[in-house]
Amino acid sequence: MQVDREIDTRGLNCPLPILKAKKSLNDMASGQLLKVVSTDPGSVRDFQAFARQTGNELVAQETVGSDFIHVLKRR
């Protein structure tokens, strides 16, 4: 999957990964993809709720080792 921007939020706990994602999405064009890498297990649930609330599409979520990877599509 080709992403347009990636942010590393490893070591940060809620709500910081969401806040950083929101800030990045605000600087992106509609349809672009943002990849967020987090180590917070709660981020899986948080990004699902964030996508529902903001209208941005949660394209993918996966766990790789201790990392939780979220890919959001800018609305």
Protein backbone atom coordinates (compact mmCIF):
# COMPACT_ATOMS: atom_id res chain seq x y z
CA MET A 1 0.00 0.00 0.00
CA GLN A 2 1.41 3.38 -1.02
CA VAL A 3 0.97 5.94 1.77
CA ASP A 4 1.41 9.68 1.36
CA ARG A 5 2.63 10.38 4.89
CA GLU A 6 3.77 8.33 7.87
CA ILE A 7 3.99 9.37 11.50
CA ASP A 8 5.68 7.48 14.33
CA THR A 9 3.84 7.74 17.64
CA ARG A 10 5.65 4.86 19.38
CA GLY A 11 5.90 5.39 23.12
CA LEU A 12 2.99 7.84 23.19
CA ASN A 13 -0.28 7.00 24.90
CA CYS A 14 -3.83 8.16 24.20
CA PRO A 15 -4.77 10.76 23.18
CA LEU A 16 -1.42 11.80 21.65
CA PRO A 17 -1.42 9.38 18.65
CA ILE A 18 -4.92 10.61 17.72
CA LEU A 19 -3.96 14.26 18.12
CA LYS A 20 -0.85 13.85 15.97
CA ALA A 21 -2.88 12.00 13.32
CA LYS A 22 -5.53 14.72 13.32
CA LYS A 23 -2.87 17.42 12.86
CA SER A 24 -1.26 15.51 9.98
CA LEU A 25 -4.61 14.85 8.28
CA ASN A 26 -5.43 18.57 8.41
CA ASP A 27 -2.34 19.25 6.26
CA MET A 28 -3.21 16.56 3.70
CA ALA A 29 -5.38 16.60 0.58
CA SER A 30 -8.61 14.64 0.28
CA GLY A 31 -7.96 10.98 -0.62
CA GLN A 32 -4.38 10.90 0.65
CA LEU A 33 -3.30 8.09 2.99
CA LEU A 34 -1.74 8.55 6.43
CA LYS A 35 0.07 5.69 8.17
CA VAL A 36 0.32 5.91 11.96
CA VAL A 37 2.64 3.56 13.89
CA SER A 38 1.84 3.25 17.59
CA THR A 39 2.78 1.06 20.55
CA ASP A 40 -0.40 1.88 22.52
CA PRO A 41 -2.75 -1.16 22.47
CA GLY A 42 -5.68 1.19 23.06
CA SER A 43 -4.94 2.91 19.76
CA VAL A 44 -6.73 0.12 17.86
CA ARG A 45 -10.06 1.05 19.44
CA ASP A 46 -9.22 4.76 19.47
CA PHE A 47 -8.56 4.96 15.73
CA GLN A 48 -11.78 3.06 14.96
CA ALA A 49 -13.75 5.64 16.98
CA PHE A 50 -11.75 8.53 15.48
CA ALA A 51 -12.58 7.41 11.94
CA ARG A 52 -16.30 7.10 12.76
CA GLN A 53 -16.40 10.53 14.41
CA THR A 54 -14.41 12.46 11.77
CA GLY A 55 -15.53 10.81 8.54
CA ASN A 56 -11.99 9.82 7.62
CA GLU A 57 -11.80 6.22 6.40
CA LEU A 58 -9.85 3.66 8.41
CA VAL A 59 -8.39 1.70 5.50
CA ALA A 60 -6.30 -0.81 7.45
CA GLN A 61 -5.18 -1.84 10.92
CA GLU A 62 -2.58 -4.45 11.71
CA THR A 63 -0.31 -5.54 14.52
CA VAL A 64 3.34 -6.18 13.72
CA GLY A 65 5.27 -7.30 16.79
CA SER A 66 4.66 -4.62 19.42
CA ASP A 67 3.58 -2.03 16.82
CA PHE A 68 0.00 -1.19 15.94
CA ILE A 69 -0.29 0.19 12.41
CA HIS A 70 -3.26 2.28 11.29
CA VAL A 71 -3.85 3.63 7.79
CA LEU A 72 -6.35 6.46 7.41
CA LYS A 73 -7.71 7.97 4.21
CA ARG A 74 -8.33 11.71 4.37
CA ARG A 75 -11.97 12.59 3.72
